[in-house]
């Protein structure tokens, strides 16, 4: 399956939240779900189906990958799979944040001038 150029395409909200959750370091699936909830102040609760379905597509697209590291093998369940951003994932996140900043700038300009 060919990788899509996802850095140019708008991201779905689920993908954006997952990339944001992984932007500060590796996490396992449950950790990603909890980080998304924390980042959104409880407004976004991602279930396992959405999370793992999105993450599977993100891995196929080259945005994230499984990490071979574990935070602390003695303190963690060794069955947990950790995920991390790839360079393409970081680029996609950066592009999406730039896109959002542009939208906010337009909105603020219109509100300031009453357009």
C-alpha atoms as a PDB file:
ATOM      1  CA  UNK A   1       0.000   0.000   0.000  1.00  0.00           C
ATOM      2  CA  UNK A   2       1.459   3.346  -1.016  1.00  0.00           C
ATOM      3  CA  UNK A   3       1.863   5.986   1.647  1.00  0.00           C
ATOM      4  CA  UNK A   4      -0.267   9.061   1.145  1.00  0.00           C
ATOM      5  CA  UNK A   5       1.163  12.541   1.514  1.00  0.00           C
ATOM      6  CA  UNK A   6      -0.752  13.164   4.715  1.00  0.00           C
ATOM      7  CA  UNK A   7       1.341  16.201   5.668  1.00  0.00           C
ATOM      8  CA  UNK A   8      -0.654  18.201   3.086  1.00  0.00           C
ATOM      9  CA  UNK A   9      -4.144  16.811   3.732  1.00  0.00           C
ATOM     10  CA  UNK A  10      -6.283  18.086   6.618  1.00  0.00           C
ATOM     11  CA  UNK A  11      -6.243  15.646   9.507  1.00  0.00           C
ATOM     12  CA  UNK A  12      -9.289  14.125  11.121  1.00  0.00           C
ATOM     13  CA  UNK A  13      -9.907  15.269  14.708  1.00  0.00           C
ATOM     14  CA  UNK A  14      -8.955  11.797  16.022  1.00  0.00           C
ATOM     15  CA  UNK A  15      -5.638  11.810  14.153  1.00  0.00           C
ATOM     16  CA  UNK A  16      -4.863  15.342  15.316  1.00  0.00           C
ATOM     17  CA  UNK A  17      -5.525  14.408  18.948  1.00  0.00           C
ATOM     18  CA  UNK A  18      -3.382  11.261  18.694  1.00  0.00           C
ATOM     19  CA  UNK A  19      -0.495  13.178  17.125  1.00  0.00           C
ATOM     20  CA  UNK A  20      -0.751  15.811  19.860  1.00  0.00           C
ATOM     21  CA  UNK A  21      -0.761  13.106  22.543  1.00  0.00           C
ATOM     22  CA  UNK A  22       2.384  11.544  21.067  1.00  0.00           C
ATOM     23  CA  UNK A  23       4.131  14.879  20.443  1.00  0.00           C
ATOM     24  CA  UNK A  24       5.726  14.897  23.888  1.00  0.00           C
ATOM     25  CA  UNK A  25       6.877  11.281  23.909  1.00  0.00           C
ATOM     26  CA  UNK A  26       6.037   7.639  23.501  1.00  0.00           C
ATOM     27  CA  UNK A  27       2.794   6.288  24.931  1.00  0.00           C
ATOM     28  CA  UNK A  28       0.843   3.073  24.918  1.00  0.00           C
ATOM     29  CA  UNK A  29      -2.756   3.039  23.679  1.00  0.00           C
ATOM     30  CA  UNK A  30      -4.399   3.622  27.048  1.00  0.00           C
ATOM     31  CA  UNK A  31      -1.897   6.406  27.735  1.00  0.00           C
ATOM     32  CA  UNK A  32      -2.858   8.048  24.431  1.00  0.00           C
ATOM     33  CA  UNK A  33      -6.563   7.839  25.352  1.00  0.00           C
ATOM     34  CA  UNK A  34      -5.915   9.414  28.749  1.00  0.00           C
ATOM     35  CA  UNK A  35      -3.713  12.150  27.247  1.00  0.00           C
ATOM     36  CA  UNK A  36      -6.369  13.030  24.650  1.00  0.00           C
ATOM     37  CA  UNK A  37      -8.921  13.329  27.432  1.00  0.00           C
ATOM     38  CA  UNK A  38      -6.571  15.500  29.501  1.00  0.00           C
ATOM     39  CA  UNK A  39      -5.567  17.699  26.542  1.00  0.00           C
ATOM     40  CA  UNK A  40      -9.228  18.329  25.696  1.00  0.00           C
ATOM     41  CA  UNK A  41     -10.166  18.948  29.343  1.00  0.00           C
ATOM     42  CA  UNK A  42     -12.508  15.963  29.222  1.00  0.00           C
ATOM     43  CA  UNK A  43     -14.358  17.080  26.075  1.00  0.00           C
ATOM     44  CA  UNK A  44     -12.912  14.338  23.858  1.00  0.00           C
ATOM     45  CA  UNK A  45     -13.105  10.736  25.001  1.00  0.00           C
ATOM     46  CA  UNK A  46     -11.689   8.358  22.444  1.00  0.00           C
ATOM     47  CA  UNK A  47     -12.800   4.748  22.634  1.00  0.00           C
ATOM     48  CA  UNK A  48     -10.585   1.791  21.750  1.00  0.00           C
ATOM     49  CA  UNK A  49     -12.210   1.289  18.332  1.00  0.00           C
ATOM     50  CA  UNK A  50     -11.559   4.855  17.232  1.00  0.00           C
ATOM     51  CA  UNK A  51      -8.094   4.900  18.777  1.00  0.00           C
ATOM     52  CA  UNK A  52      -6.756   1.651  17.369  1.00  0.00           C
ATOM     53  CA  UNK A  53      -8.513   2.050  14.017  1.00  0.00           C
ATOM     54  CA  UNK A  54      -6.976   5.499  13.618  1.00  0.00           C
ATOM     55  CA  UNK A  55      -3.580   4.340  14.835  1.00  0.00           C
ATOM     56  CA  UNK A  56      -3.578   1.447  12.363  1.00  0.00           C
ATOM     57  CA  UNK A  57      -4.231   3.844   9.490  1.00  0.00           C
ATOM     58  CA  UNK A  58      -1.622   6.240  10.885  1.00  0.00           C
ATOM     59  CA  UNK A  59       0.981   3.473  10.930  1.00  0.00           C
ATOM     60  CA  UNK A  60       0.130   2.552   7.324  1.00  0.00           C
ATOM     61  CA  UNK A  61       0.519   6.220   6.378  1.00  0.00           C
ATOM     62  CA  UNK A  62       3.882   6.416   8.157  1.00  0.00           C
ATOM     63  CA  UNK A  63       2.762   8.992  10.756  1.00  0.00           C
ATOM     64  CA  UNK A  64       3.487   6.829  13.794  1.00  0.00           C
ATOM     65  CA  UNK A  65       5.314   3.592  14.501  1.00  0.00           C
ATOM     66  CA  UNK A  66       5.591   1.066  17.269  1.00  0.00           C
ATOM     67  CA  UNK A  67       8.462   1.833  19.581  1.00  0.00           C
ATOM     68  CA  UNK A  68      10.810  -0.899  20.679  1.00  0.00           C
ATOM     69  CA  UNK A  69      11.384   0.931  23.966  1.00  0.00           C
ATOM     70  CA  UNK A  70       9.455   0.575  27.187  1.00  0.00           C
ATOM     71  CA  UNK A  71       9.158   3.263  29.835  1.00  0.00           C
ATOM     72  CA  UNK A  72      10.137   0.925  32.678  1.00  0.00           C
ATOM     73  CA  UNK A  73       9.795  -2.808  31.995  1.00  0.00           C
ATOM     74  CA  UNK A  74       9.761  -3.599  35.738  1.00  0.00           C
ATOM     75  CA  UNK A  75       6.952  -1.134  36.450  1.00  0.00           C
ATOM     76  CA  UNK A  76       4.906  -1.680  33.297  1.00  0.00           C
ATOM     77  CA  UNK A  77       2.992  -4.487  31.616  1.00  0.00           C
ATOM     78  CA  UNK A  78       5.369  -5.948  29.026  1.00  0.00           C
ATOM     79  CA  UNK A  79       2.431  -6.630  26.683  1.00  0.00           C
ATOM     80  CA  UNK A  80       1.821  -2.931  26.197  1.00  0.00           C
ATOM     81  CA  UNK A  81       2.884  -1.578  22.850  1.00  0.00           C
ATOM     82  CA  UNK A  82       4.260   1.928  22.833  1.00  0.00           C
ATOM     83  CA  UNK A  83       3.896   4.263  19.879  1.00  0.00           C
ATOM     84  CA  UNK A  84       5.900   7.249  18.738  1.00  0.00           C
ATOM     85  CA  UNK A  85       5.704   9.943  16.082  1.00  0.00           C
ATOM     86  CA  UNK A  86       7.722   9.577  12.921  1.00  0.00           C
ATOM     87  CA  UNK A  87       9.279  12.483  11.070  1.00  0.00           C
ATOM     88  CA  UNK A  88       6.253  12.430   8.740  1.00  0.00           C
ATOM     89  CA  UNK A  89       3.927  12.486  11.745  1.00  0.00           C
ATOM     90  CA  UNK A  90       5.695  15.517  13.179  1.00  0.00           C
ATOM     91  CA  UNK A  91       5.476  17.244   9.766  1.00  0.00           C
ATOM     92  CA  UNK A  92       1.757  16.436   9.502  1.00  0.00           C
ATOM     93  CA  UNK A  93       1.150  17.835  12.992  1.00  0.00           C
ATOM     94  CA  UNK A  94       3.139  20.984  12.211  1.00  0.00           C
ATOM     95  CA  UNK A  95       1.234  21.493   8.936  1.00  0.00           C
ATOM     96  CA  UNK A  96      -2.131  21.039  10.665  1.00  0.00           C
ATOM     97  CA  UNK A  97      -1.260  23.483  13.437  1.00  0.00           C
ATOM     98  CA  UNK A  98      -0.159  26.017  10.806  1.00  0.00           C
ATOM     99  CA  UNK A  99      -3.485  25.481   9.011  1.00  0.00           C
ATOM    100  CA  UNK A 100      -5.396  26.073  12.258  1.00  0.00           C
ATOM    101  CA  UNK A 101      -3.400  29.237  12.996  1.00  0.00           C
ATOM    102  CA  UNK A 102      -4.392  30.558   9.565  1.00  0.00           C
ATOM    103  CA  UNK A 103      -8.063  29.854  10.202  1.00  0.00           C
ATOM    104  CA  UNK A 104      -7.893  31.558  13.598  1.00  0.00           C
ATOM    105  CA  UNK A 105      -6.174  34.614  12.063  1.00  0.00           C
ATOM    106  CA  UNK A 106      -8.950  34.944   9.467  1.00  0.00           C
ATOM    107  CA  UNK A 107     -11.643  34.563  12.132  1.00  0.00           C
ATOM    108  CA  UNK A 108     -10.021  37.114  14.424  1.00  0.00           C
ATOM    109  CA  UNK A 109      -9.652  39.562  11.522  1.00  0.00           C
ATOM    110  CA  UNK A 110     -13.311  39.240  10.655  1.00  0.00           C
ATOM    111  CA  UNK A 111     -14.430  39.628  14.229  1.00  0.00           C
ATOM    112  CA  UNK A 112     -12.246  42.710  14.666  1.00  0.00           C
ATOM    113  CA  UNK A 113     -13.713  44.392  11.584  1.00  0.00           C
ATOM    114  CA  UNK A 114     -17.241  43.052  11.866  1.00  0.00           C
ATOM    115  CA  UNK A 115     -17.112  41.241   8.492  1.00  0.00           C
END
